[in-house]
Each structure stands twice: as structure tokens, then as C-alpha cells.
Amino acid sequence: ETPGGEEILTVGTVSGSHVYGDDGPYTITVCVTDDQNATTCDTLVATVNNVAPVLDDSVFLADGTTFTSGDDAFMGRKGVEQTHSAAASDVGSDDLRYDWAFIPTPDQFGGALPPNPQTETTTTFNDGSAPGPLPFTDPPRDTEVGAHPHGIFPFASGDTASVTFTGPGVYSVEVTVVDDNGGTDFVSLPKIVTDDCDCTENLSFWKKEFKERKPKDAKKVEKGKLIAEDTLEAYLDIIRFTSSHFNEVVPLGNTSEANNVFDPPKQGSGSGSGSGSKTKEATNESATGKKKKKKGGDSGSGSGDSDTGTGTAKKIAKKREEALQQTLAAWLNFAKGAVDWEENIIVDPGTGSKSGSGSGTGTRPPRPPVILPFNEVIAQVEAILNNTDATFDDLKQARKLAESINKHDKDNPACDTGSGSGSGSRSGTASKSSNGGDDSGSGAGSKSRGKKGK
């Protein structure tokens, strides 16, 4: 009031802030007190919406591998338990549930078998008791600042899930995090599961495996003399995912197309279309018994490996065919489990080795062996195959590199080089898993990206 007894109306605003740890309706009471201790209060309702949790992709994708194809996936091995990790956070005080799924990819030909388990669920509670029992429900709210009946906010937790894959093939590992109000986040990544065989096989072995099957071959499969067709299909699934050349440049949709790589259809006219003799090169004898005349750099001497002279295109095509066959065999050895993604391969034994000729006359120093991991070798090979301008010598090098993979266990006494499907393991050797848990082979500094959505 003024000295004269008149009332003065004072107008102003008040404000306040509060952080809510849970969603729902909250009653807000505002009171104003003047200097005469007169108080007036009013209420309003604030509706707080839920905020979905967020998965930390870097934790889930940490063990991913980038393959030659450019695609990312986890790596595993048949029969070896592998562990995957996830972590998530919620800005509120919600409990978090992790739903895992391990799924064969839909386009499998039947080679991939269901993993064990196929799903797994873990709940992490804000009060620290994890895992906890179901039902998974939102507990009563507590309006005290920063408080929750059983914890605080924001809340973060982690989870792991272990799984054993019972067959080779391409799978998907998926994890969904769910808060107790229905908010979700999701991430997934394919998983390549190789077979549990340990010995590499040569080109002739794989040619035999992919020949058109006859009814009597079923008994050979039963006796372990041939690999079952559904397993071969699973191997091809793996190759289609990991390779930058097969099914991208060269068709590899089924076992018949794989057989076409190992035994290419004959070109041109004429009889003899069976799987027997091949088209003769210019060095073959003619019908008159005389050898055809060679020209230029197309001679059969040491210079015959040059890509100069007449007949170059034909020679390059033939060398590409040979390189392609050895490359497919190398990928099959990988899918079979006989060579790991980062396993070292002797691509050149050098001189002075047990198979070398020493230092010759002594005027040249011994050449050290060249050893590279499988992933680098196969990347070099496919870089050459993907180059349409690759020379004869380039393709010769690609063939040599791929063949070094297929000969990896040539001198290994534990590997039976006789007949059979070669599906057994090296006796006395340890499993090829890279660690005690997740059988992943993470590339050198490679970053993996998953499929993520809400």
C-alpha cells in the first residue's frame, strides 16, 4: 500500500527447474509470498515423456572384421562358444533389458544350422541387481530430484551373451535394448562362422567336391569321402559375403556355378564337351603329326611366360582362369576353417630353405622367405583379378599367391592328404579360436559399421 492507503499491484514472473528421472505426469506447485507473509499457491501438471535408451555401437562392433568385399562381420568357428558384448545408457532412471538374437541369414541354402541358444534375454536393474527376474515393469516414481526408488539417473549398463554355432554359414547377431517404458534401440551385424576343419586342400580336391553329384555319391558323403552339399552351399554363402570378386564379377550362386569355375564350359564348336580333355594350346600336335609353329614371345621356353607376342589374349585368359580356380580353392579352405583370417602364409619360401637351391654360386645372398597373413594375400589376389587390364605376369602372380594358401598344410604330417572329405581336425592341435571367448579376428585397425535403427 501507499502512504495514502492505496493498493499497488506488482506483476512479475517466477521460474524454476527440475530434472525428472522418469516419465509420466507430475504435479508442480508454485507459491508466492509477499513481504507481509501473505502466501498464494497454485498447481499445474507437467507431462514428462520417455527418452529411449541408446546402445554404444563401439562396444558391440569392437570385434568386427572388414573383409575383402568391404563388408563387416563378426567371425566365429563352428562348435566354439563365442561371446558378444553390448553397452547402453538411458538419460532417465529406467531399468534396461538386453534382447539378443542369433539368426541364420534368410537366403541360406540350408547350410547354416540354428545356433545354441537362438535368443537370450538379460535385464539390468538400476539398483545394481543384474540380471534380475521378470516381469520387466516400471517401478513407482519418486519425485525427489535425481532419485529413483532403486537407483539414480542417468543409468548405464552392459551385458554379454554367449552362443555356440552348430554349423558353418552366414548368420546375424542382433541386440535390442529396451527400457521399462518401451523405448528401444537396436544394432546388428552379420557373423561369418567357418567350419571346424584344420587342413588346407589343393585344387584337385575342390574340383572333385564340386563335380555334379550322382545318386551313388550319397554313400560317399556318409563315409566322409565327400562333403555334404548343404555344407558346400554354406561355404559358398561365406565366400559370397567375404569376396570382392566371386558373385560380384564371377557368378557363384550355387554349386553348379562353382563347378563352372573349376571346370569351365568349353568354348567354340566341336565335339568332346564332356569333362575330359581341354582345348589344346598352340603347342599341341596337329592332325598331321607336326607341331604347330610358334611365333614371337609365345614360345614354350622360359620366355613363354611373357605377355608379349601373338596369342597374348588367349594366354592371358587361360592364366586368369588358372588364377581364378586357385582363388576359389583358397576361399573354400578359409570357409572350411583350414586357414584363419589372419593366419600367416608362406607365399615365397625364399632361397636356402629346405626346398630351395641355397645361394647358388655363392655370389647372391640368400633371399628370406615372404610371409603374409591370409587376409593380405587374398586381398592382393583379388586386386589383380578385379583389374581388367591385369597382365599375364600379374595373373601368374595371383595364381602363385592363391596356390600358396592351398599348399599351406602340404608338409604338415598331421594332415591326411589321402582320400576323404578332409573334414577332420589336425590331431594334437588346438582349436583355431583366437581367444577363449569371442572367436573374432579383428582386422588391423579396421572400423566396422552395423545396421542400426529404432
Protein backbone atom coordinates (compact mmCIF):
# COMPACT_ATOMS: atom_id res chain seq x y z
CA GLU A 1 0.00 0.00 0.00
CA THR A 2 0.99 3.58 -0.47
CA PRO A 3 1.11 6.07 2.50
CA GLY A 4 -2.31 7.14 1.40
CA GLY A 5 -3.67 3.61 1.74
CA GLU A 6 -3.85 2.85 -1.99
CA GLU A 7 -3.02 -0.70 -3.17
CA ILE A 8 -0.20 -1.21 -5.67
CA LEU A 9 -0.36 -4.25 -7.93
CA THR A 10 3.05 -5.86 -8.53
CA VAL A 11 3.38 -8.07 -11.61
CA GLY A 12 6.30 -10.43 -12.24
CA THR A 13 7.34 -13.94 -13.13
CA VAL A 14 8.92 -16.79 -11.23
CA SER A 15 10.79 -19.73 -12.67
CA GLY A 16 12.38 -22.94 -11.52
CA SER A 17 13.98 -26.03 -12.96
CA HIS A 18 13.82 -29.69 -12.12
CA VAL A 19 15.26 -32.84 -13.76
CA TYR A 20 12.95 -35.84 -13.84
CA GLY A 21 14.35 -39.34 -13.81
CA ASP A 22 11.22 -40.99 -15.09
CA ASP A 23 8.38 -40.30 -17.45
CA GLY A 24 4.76 -39.62 -16.51
CA PRO A 25 2.57 -36.80 -15.12
CA TYR A 26 3.99 -34.73 -12.31
CA THR A 27 2.17 -32.12 -10.19
CA ILE A 28 4.01 -28.82 -9.83
CA THR A 29 3.06 -26.44 -7.01
CA VAL A 30 4.06 -22.76 -7.18
CA CYS A 31 3.67 -20.47 -4.15
CA VAL A 32 4.29 -16.72 -3.92
CA THR A 33 4.78 -14.93 -0.58
CA ASP A 34 4.86 -11.14 -0.21
CA ASP A 35 6.73 -9.10 2.39
CA GLN A 36 3.75 -9.24 4.68
CA ASN A 37 3.97 -13.04 4.73
CA ALA A 38 0.84 -13.45 2.71
CA THR A 39 1.08 -16.57 0.52
CA THR A 40 -0.79 -17.70 -2.57
CA CYS A 41 -0.25 -21.13 -4.23
CA ASP A 42 -1.31 -22.71 -7.50
CA THR A 43 -0.68 -26.07 -9.16
CA LEU A 44 -0.13 -27.35 -12.67
CA VAL A 45 0.65 -30.74 -14.21
CA ALA A 46 3.79 -31.38 -16.25
CA THR A 47 3.89 -34.43 -18.50
CA VAL A 48 7.37 -35.90 -18.89
CA ASN A 49 7.91 -38.11 -21.93
CA ASN A 50 10.15 -41.16 -22.00
CA VAL A 51 13.53 -40.98 -23.76
CA ALA A 52 14.69 -44.17 -25.45
CA PRO A 53 17.96 -45.78 -24.36
CA VAL A 54 21.00 -45.65 -26.62
CA LEU A 55 23.30 -48.54 -27.46
CA ASP A 56 27.03 -47.85 -27.57
CA ASP A 57 27.80 -49.18 -31.05
CA SER A 58 31.54 -49.10 -30.45
CA VAL A 59 31.23 -51.77 -27.75
CA PHE A 60 29.08 -54.07 -29.88
CA LEU A 61 31.17 -53.64 -33.04
CA ALA A 62 34.59 -53.76 -31.37
CA ASP A 63 35.31 -57.31 -32.56
CA GLY A 64 34.12 -56.81 -36.14
CA THR A 65 36.25 -57.58 -39.19
CA THR A 66 36.26 -55.82 -42.55
CA PHE A 67 36.52 -58.36 -45.37
CA THR A 68 37.86 -58.08 -48.89
CA SER A 69 34.34 -57.36 -50.11
CA GLY A 70 34.29 -54.23 -47.96
CA ASP A 71 31.52 -55.68 -45.77
CA ASP A 72 31.87 -56.01 -42.00
CA ALA A 73 31.03 -59.01 -39.86
CA PHE A 74 31.96 -60.86 -36.73
CA MET A 75 33.97 -64.04 -37.15
CA GLY A 76 33.36 -67.35 -35.44
CA ARG A 77 34.07 -71.04 -35.72
CA LYS A 78 31.68 -73.96 -35.65
CA GLY A 79 31.43 -75.61 -32.25
CA VAL A 80 33.39 -72.90 -30.41
CA GLU A 81 31.47 -70.81 -27.88
CA GLN A 82 31.74 -67.12 -28.64
CA THR A 83 30.83 -64.13 -26.51
CA HIS A 84 29.40 -60.84 -27.72
CA SER A 85 29.23 -57.62 -25.72
CA ALA A 86 26.86 -54.67 -25.59
CA ALA A 87 26.52 -51.49 -23.53
CA ALA A 88 23.72 -48.95 -23.32
CA SER A 89 22.68 -45.84 -21.41
CA ASP A 90 19.45 -44.10 -20.51
CA VAL A 91 19.13 -40.45 -19.50
CA GLY A 92 16.44 -41.48 -17.04
CA SER A 93 16.33 -43.99 -14.23
CA ASP A 94 14.82 -46.79 -16.32
CA ASP A 95 15.96 -50.35 -15.98
CA LEU A 96 17.35 -51.82 -19.20
CA ARG A 97 16.71 -55.17 -20.85
CA TYR A 98 19.02 -56.67 -23.50
CA ASP A 99 17.37 -58.96 -26.04
CA TRP A 100 19.85 -61.00 -28.12
CA ALA A 101 19.12 -62.97 -31.27
CA PHE A 102 21.41 -65.19 -33.36
CA ILE A 103 19.81 -65.77 -36.73
CA PRO A 104 20.77 -67.66 -39.91
CA THR A 105 20.51 -65.27 -42.85
CA PRO A 106 17.26 -65.69 -44.83
CA ASP A 107 18.91 -66.51 -48.16
CA GLN A 108 20.75 -69.58 -46.85
CA PHE A 109 20.57 -72.72 -48.94
CA GLY A 110 20.22 -74.81 -45.80
CA GLY A 111 23.88 -74.96 -44.87
CA ALA A 112 23.56 -72.81 -41.73
CA LEU A 113 22.10 -74.57 -38.71
CA PRO A 114 20.37 -72.86 -35.77
CA PRO A 115 22.80 -71.70 -33.10
CA ASN A 116 22.50 -72.61 -29.45
CA PRO A 117 20.85 -70.62 -27.99
CA GLN A 118 18.94 -68.76 -30.68
CA THR A 119 17.86 -65.99 -28.31
CA GLU A 120 18.90 -64.70 -24.89
CA THR A 121 17.50 -62.01 -22.61
CA THR A 122 19.12 -60.19 -19.68
CA THR A 123 17.66 -57.42 -17.52
CA THR A 124 19.94 -54.94 -15.76
CA PHE A 125 18.30 -53.11 -12.86
CA ASN A 126 19.11 -49.58 -11.82
CA ASP A 127 19.67 -50.70 -8.24
CA GLY A 128 22.61 -52.81 -9.45
CA SER A 129 20.99 -56.26 -9.16
CA ALA A 130 21.65 -57.71 -12.61
CA PRO A 131 20.42 -59.90 -14.04
CA GLY A 132 17.02 -59.65 -12.42
CA PRO A 133 13.75 -61.54 -12.57
CA LEU A 134 10.79 -60.77 -14.79
CA PRO A 135 8.29 -59.15 -15.09
CA PHE A 136 10.07 -56.16 -16.51
CA THR A 137 7.99 -53.21 -15.31
CA ASP A 138 8.45 -49.58 -14.41
CA PRO A 139 8.67 -49.20 -10.60
CA PRO A 140 6.77 -46.43 -8.75
CA ARG A 141 8.13 -42.93 -9.35
CA ASP A 142 9.92 -40.83 -6.79
CA THR A 143 9.73 -37.08 -7.38
CA GLU A 144 12.82 -36.23 -5.35
CA VAL A 145 15.47 -34.59 -7.51
CA GLY A 146 17.90 -37.09 -9.01
CA ALA A 147 16.32 -40.02 -7.22
CA HIS A 148 14.68 -43.28 -8.19
CA PRO A 149 13.15 -45.85 -5.86
CA HIS A 150 16.01 -48.21 -6.70
CA GLY A 151 18.75 -46.09 -8.21
CA ILE A 152 19.82 -42.84 -9.78
CA PHE A 153 19.87 -41.33 -13.24
CA PRO A 154 21.25 -41.26 -15.83
CA PHE A 155 21.76 -45.02 -15.90
CA ALA A 156 24.26 -47.08 -17.92
CA SER A 157 24.86 -50.82 -18.00
CA GLY A 158 26.45 -53.57 -20.07
CA ASP A 159 25.71 -57.15 -21.00
CA THR A 160 27.30 -60.15 -22.70
CA ALA A 161 25.77 -63.13 -24.47
CA SER A 162 27.48 -66.40 -25.34
CA VAL A 163 26.48 -68.61 -28.23
CA THR A 164 27.73 -71.74 -29.98
CA PHE A 165 27.09 -72.07 -33.71
CA THR A 166 26.44 -75.65 -34.78
CA GLY A 167 27.09 -75.21 -38.48
CA PRO A 168 29.11 -73.03 -40.87
CA GLY A 169 27.47 -70.20 -42.74
CA VAL A 170 26.42 -66.55 -42.55
CA TYR A 171 24.40 -65.50 -39.52
CA SER A 172 23.21 -62.27 -37.95
CA VAL A 173 23.91 -61.19 -34.39
CA GLU A 174 21.29 -58.74 -33.14
CA VAL A 175 20.79 -56.96 -29.84
CA THR A 176 17.90 -54.74 -28.82
CA VAL A 177 17.97 -52.68 -25.63
CA VAL A 178 14.57 -51.94 -24.10
CA ASP A 179 13.83 -49.62 -21.17
CA ASP A 180 10.96 -50.28 -18.77
CA ASN A 181 8.75 -47.80 -20.63
CA GLY A 182 9.10 -49.39 -24.04
CA GLY A 183 11.86 -47.24 -25.53
CA THR A 184 14.26 -49.24 -27.70
CA ASP A 185 17.48 -49.10 -29.66
CA PHE A 186 18.79 -51.80 -32.00
CA VAL A 187 22.03 -52.80 -33.67
CA SER A 188 23.05 -55.85 -35.70
CA LEU A 189 25.99 -57.22 -37.64
CA PRO A 190 26.42 -60.36 -39.75
CA LYS A 191 28.54 -63.19 -38.39
CA ILE A 192 30.72 -65.45 -40.51
CA VAL A 193 31.03 -68.90 -38.98
CA THR A 194 33.65 -71.12 -40.60
CA ASP A 195 33.74 -74.90 -40.34
CA ASP A 196 35.92 -76.76 -37.84
CA CYS A 197 38.33 -78.42 -40.28
CA ASP A 198 42.05 -77.70 -39.95
CA CYS A 199 43.85 -78.89 -43.08
CA THR A 200 44.02 -76.99 -46.36
CA GLU A 201 43.26 -78.91 -49.54
CA ASN A 202 44.63 -78.50 -53.04
CA LEU A 203 42.80 -77.55 -56.21
CA SER A 204 42.11 -81.13 -57.32
CA PHE A 205 40.35 -81.84 -54.02
CA TRP A 206 37.90 -78.99 -54.52
CA LYS A 207 37.35 -79.85 -58.18
CA LYS A 208 36.23 -83.30 -57.08
CA GLU A 209 33.92 -81.89 -54.40
CA PHE A 210 32.03 -79.67 -56.84
CA LYS A 211 31.55 -82.15 -59.66
CA GLU A 212 27.91 -82.89 -60.39
CA ARG A 213 26.72 -85.40 -57.82
CA LYS A 214 25.23 -88.77 -58.71
CA PRO A 215 22.87 -90.87 -56.55
CA LYS A 216 25.70 -93.20 -55.55
CA ASP A 217 27.64 -90.23 -54.12
CA ALA A 218 25.29 -90.22 -51.13
CA LYS A 219 27.18 -93.19 -49.71
CA LYS A 220 30.48 -91.35 -50.18
CA VAL A 221 29.06 -88.49 -48.11
CA GLU A 222 28.00 -90.95 -45.39
CA LYS A 223 31.51 -92.42 -45.31
CA GLY A 224 33.15 -88.99 -45.19
CA LYS A 225 34.64 -89.26 -48.66
CA LEU A 226 32.69 -86.27 -49.94
CA ILE A 227 31.48 -83.10 -48.19
CA ALA A 228 27.70 -82.84 -47.91
CA GLU A 229 26.15 -80.48 -50.46
CA ASP A 230 24.41 -78.31 -47.84
CA THR A 231 27.80 -77.75 -46.22
CA LEU A 232 29.28 -76.77 -49.60
CA GLU A 233 26.40 -74.33 -50.03
CA ALA A 234 27.23 -72.81 -46.65
CA TYR A 235 30.85 -72.42 -47.77
CA LEU A 236 29.66 -70.57 -50.87
CA ASP A 237 27.49 -68.28 -48.71
CA ILE A 238 30.61 -67.34 -46.77
CA ILE A 239 32.58 -66.65 -49.96
CA ARG A 240 29.82 -64.53 -51.47
CA PHE A 241 29.90 -62.36 -48.37
CA THR A 242 33.67 -62.08 -47.93
CA SER A 243 34.97 -61.97 -51.51
CA SER A 244 35.13 -58.88 -53.71
CA HIS A 245 35.29 -60.97 -56.88
CA PHE A 246 33.04 -64.01 -56.57
CA ASN A 247 29.41 -63.25 -57.20
CA GLU A 248 30.43 -59.63 -57.86
CA VAL A 249 32.32 -60.39 -61.07
CA VAL A 250 32.20 -64.17 -61.37
CA PRO A 251 28.83 -65.85 -60.64
CA LEU A 252 28.86 -68.09 -57.58
CA GLY A 253 25.20 -68.55 -56.75
CA ASN A 254 25.28 -72.31 -56.31
CA THR A 255 27.45 -75.42 -56.57
CA SER A 256 26.91 -75.63 -60.34
CA GLU A 257 28.44 -72.18 -60.84
CA ALA A 258 31.33 -73.14 -58.58
CA ASN A 259 31.87 -76.20 -60.79
CA ASN A 260 31.93 -73.89 -63.81
CA VAL A 261 34.91 -72.12 -62.25
CA PHE A 262 36.78 -75.37 -61.66
CA ASP A 263 35.73 -76.95 -64.96
CA PRO A 264 34.86 -74.09 -67.37
CA PRO A 265 32.44 -74.89 -70.19
CA LYS A 266 34.21 -75.45 -73.48
CA GLN A 267 34.22 -72.55 -75.88
CA GLY A 268 33.61 -72.79 -79.59
CA SER A 269 32.30 -75.66 -81.70
CA GLY A 270 33.35 -79.23 -81.93
CA SER A 271 32.75 -82.41 -80.01
CA GLY A 272 34.21 -83.50 -76.74
CA SER A 273 32.06 -81.36 -74.50
CA GLY A 274 32.44 -83.65 -71.51
CA SER A 275 34.63 -83.07 -68.51
CA GLY A 276 37.59 -84.82 -70.05
CA SER A 277 40.09 -83.19 -72.41
CA LYS A 278 40.58 -79.47 -72.63
CA THR A 279 41.03 -77.35 -75.70
CA LYS A 280 44.64 -77.76 -76.87
CA GLU A 281 47.08 -74.89 -76.88
CA ALA A 282 49.24 -73.96 -79.87
CA THR A 283 51.93 -76.38 -78.71
CA ASN A 284 49.75 -79.43 -79.41
CA GLU A 285 50.43 -81.60 -82.38
CA SER A 286 48.23 -81.18 -85.42
CA ALA A 287 46.40 -83.95 -87.24
CA THR A 288 49.41 -84.44 -89.49
CA GLY A 289 51.64 -85.11 -86.51
CA LYS A 290 53.59 -81.89 -86.95
CA LYS A 291 53.79 -79.33 -84.20
CA LYS A 292 52.22 -76.02 -84.98
CA LYS A 293 54.70 -73.24 -85.48
CA LYS A 294 55.08 -70.85 -82.57
CA LYS A 295 55.51 -67.18 -83.12
CA GLY A 296 57.14 -64.33 -81.26
CA GLY A 297 57.07 -64.43 -77.48
CA ASP A 298 54.59 -67.31 -77.49
CA SER A 299 57.38 -69.85 -77.27
CA GLY A 300 57.47 -72.74 -74.84
CA SER A 301 60.84 -71.65 -73.42
CA GLY A 302 61.39 -69.62 -70.27
CA SER A 303 60.14 -66.57 -72.12
CA GLY A 304 56.83 -68.31 -72.68
CA ASP A 305 55.51 -66.73 -69.50
CA SER A 306 55.81 -63.29 -71.05
CA ASP A 307 52.67 -61.47 -72.08
CA THR A 308 54.14 -60.35 -75.41
CA GLY A 309 53.83 -61.77 -78.88
CA THR A 310 50.91 -63.33 -80.71
CA GLY A 311 48.27 -65.28 -78.85
CA THR A 312 48.57 -62.92 -75.88
CA ALA A 313 44.83 -62.54 -75.26
CA LYS A 314 44.35 -66.30 -75.22
CA LYS A 315 47.27 -66.82 -72.86
CA ILE A 316 46.05 -64.10 -70.51
CA ALA A 317 42.56 -65.60 -70.48
CA LYS A 318 44.00 -69.01 -69.66
CA LYS A 319 46.17 -67.63 -66.86
CA ARG A 320 43.17 -65.73 -65.43
CA GLU A 321 41.22 -68.98 -65.45
CA GLU A 322 44.00 -70.74 -63.52
CA ALA A 323 44.26 -67.89 -61.01
CA LEU A 324 40.51 -67.90 -60.54
CA GLN A 325 40.45 -71.63 -59.78
CA GLN A 326 43.22 -71.36 -57.19
CA THR A 327 41.49 -68.33 -55.64
CA LEU A 328 38.17 -70.12 -55.25
CA ALA A 329 40.01 -73.07 -53.69
CA ALA A 330 41.74 -70.66 -51.28
CA TRP A 331 38.41 -69.13 -50.22
CA LEU A 332 36.96 -72.62 -49.74
CA ASN A 333 39.87 -73.50 -47.46
CA PHE A 334 39.04 -70.40 -45.44
CA ALA A 335 35.32 -71.27 -45.23
CA LYS A 336 36.26 -74.82 -44.29
CA GLY A 337 38.18 -73.49 -41.30
CA ALA A 338 41.54 -74.71 -42.56
CA VAL A 339 43.10 -71.24 -42.53
CA ASP A 340 42.21 -68.32 -40.27
CA TRP A 341 41.68 -64.74 -41.47
CA GLU A 342 44.99 -63.57 -40.00
CA GLU A 343 46.93 -66.84 -40.18
CA ASN A 344 50.42 -66.48 -41.67
CA ILE A 345 51.02 -67.97 -45.12
CA ILE A 346 54.43 -68.61 -46.66
CA VAL A 347 53.94 -67.07 -50.09
CA ASP A 348 57.61 -67.44 -51.05
CA PRO A 349 59.95 -69.88 -49.25
CA GLY A 350 62.95 -67.83 -50.35
CA THR A 351 66.33 -69.35 -51.09
CA GLY A 352 68.28 -71.53 -48.76
CA SER A 353 65.13 -73.23 -47.48
CA LYS A 354 64.66 -76.96 -47.41
CA SER A 355 63.02 -76.80 -50.81
CA GLY A 356 65.32 -74.12 -52.21
CA SER A 357 68.59 -74.33 -54.03
CA GLY A 358 70.62 -72.40 -51.49
CA SER A 359 72.55 -69.36 -52.57
CA GLY A 360 73.59 -70.87 -55.88
CA THR A 361 77.15 -69.96 -56.79
CA GLY A 362 77.54 -68.02 -53.60
CA THR A 363 77.55 -64.67 -55.37
CA ARG A 364 73.99 -63.86 -54.26
CA PRO A 365 72.88 -63.68 -50.65
CA PRO A 366 70.02 -65.96 -49.60
CA ARG A 367 66.56 -64.49 -50.14
CA PRO A 368 64.46 -64.54 -46.98
CA PRO A 369 61.00 -66.11 -47.12
CA VAL A 370 57.96 -63.91 -47.64
CA ILE A 371 55.25 -64.49 -45.05
CA LEU A 372 51.92 -62.66 -45.09
CA PRO A 373 48.61 -63.17 -43.27
CA PHE A 374 45.82 -64.80 -45.24
CA ASN A 375 43.76 -61.61 -45.40
CA GLU A 376 46.60 -59.69 -47.06
CA VAL A 377 47.34 -62.49 -49.51
CA ILE A 378 43.73 -62.85 -50.63
CA ALA A 379 43.37 -59.06 -50.91
CA GLN A 380 46.37 -58.93 -53.26
CA VAL A 381 44.97 -61.78 -55.32
CA GLU A 382 41.54 -60.20 -55.73
CA ALA A 383 43.01 -56.80 -56.51
CA ILE A 384 44.67 -58.42 -59.52
CA LEU A 385 41.56 -60.35 -60.55
CA ASN A 386 39.43 -57.20 -60.30
CA ASN A 387 41.80 -55.39 -62.66
CA THR A 388 40.50 -55.95 -66.18
CA ASP A 389 43.87 -54.78 -67.53
CA ALA A 390 45.90 -57.29 -65.49
CA THR A 391 48.82 -58.66 -67.50
CA PHE A 392 49.87 -62.24 -67.92
CA ASP A 393 52.58 -61.76 -65.29
CA ASP A 394 50.08 -60.15 -62.89
CA LEU A 395 47.75 -63.12 -63.20
CA LYS A 396 50.64 -65.52 -62.86
CA GLN A 397 51.46 -63.84 -59.54
CA ALA A 398 47.82 -64.06 -58.43
CA ARG A 399 47.79 -67.78 -59.18
CA LYS A 400 51.01 -68.27 -57.24
CA LEU A 401 49.74 -66.34 -54.23
CA ALA A 402 46.43 -68.21 -54.09
CA GLU A 403 48.16 -71.55 -54.54
CA SER A 404 50.43 -70.79 -51.57
CA ILE A 405 47.29 -70.76 -49.41
CA ASN A 406 46.13 -74.10 -50.77
CA LYS A 407 49.56 -75.62 -50.12
CA HIS A 408 49.72 -74.23 -46.58
CA ASP A 409 49.48 -77.69 -45.00
CA LYS A 410 51.25 -79.60 -47.74
CA ASP A 411 54.11 -80.63 -45.46
CA ASN A 412 52.05 -80.92 -42.28
CA PRO A 413 52.29 -84.55 -41.12
CA ALA A 414 49.08 -84.15 -39.11
CA CYS A 415 47.07 -83.53 -42.28
CA ASP A 416 45.91 -86.55 -44.23
CA THR A 417 46.48 -85.84 -47.90
CA GLY A 418 44.81 -89.06 -48.99
CA SER A 419 41.19 -89.59 -49.97
CA GLY A 420 38.23 -88.34 -47.99
CA SER A 421 36.42 -85.13 -47.39
CA GLY A 422 39.21 -83.67 -45.32
CA SER A 423 36.72 -82.65 -42.69
CA GLY A 424 38.75 -83.83 -39.75
CA SER A 425 40.97 -81.77 -37.49
CA ARG A 426 44.70 -81.85 -37.11
CA SER A 427 45.47 -84.30 -34.38
CA GLY A 428 47.08 -82.79 -31.35
CA THR A 429 46.47 -79.20 -32.43
CA ALA A 430 44.45 -76.65 -30.53
CA SER A 431 41.26 -75.05 -31.71
CA LYS A 432 41.70 -72.11 -34.04
CA SER A 433 39.68 -69.71 -31.95
CA SER A 434 41.58 -66.50 -31.43
CA ASN A 435 40.70 -66.27 -27.76
CA GLY A 436 38.79 -68.02 -25.07
CA GLY A 437 35.56 -66.22 -25.82
CA ASP A 438 34.62 -64.41 -28.97
CA ASP A 439 36.25 -66.11 -31.93
CA SER A 440 36.59 -62.87 -33.81
CA GLY A 441 39.52 -61.86 -35.91
CA SER A 442 39.56 -58.13 -35.86
CA GLY A 443 41.44 -56.57 -38.74
CA ALA A 444 44.28 -54.18 -38.15
CA GLY A 445 42.60 -51.01 -37.03
CA SER A 446 39.53 -51.68 -39.16
CA LYS A 447 36.29 -49.98 -38.21
CA SER A 448 33.03 -51.88 -38.53
CA ARG A 449 29.61 -50.42 -39.03
CA GLY A 450 26.41 -52.17 -38.07
CA LYS A 451 22.83 -51.75 -39.15
CA LYS A 452 21.09 -49.60 -36.60
CA GLY A 453 17.56 -48.40 -36.19
CA LYS A 454 14.94 -47.53 -33.67
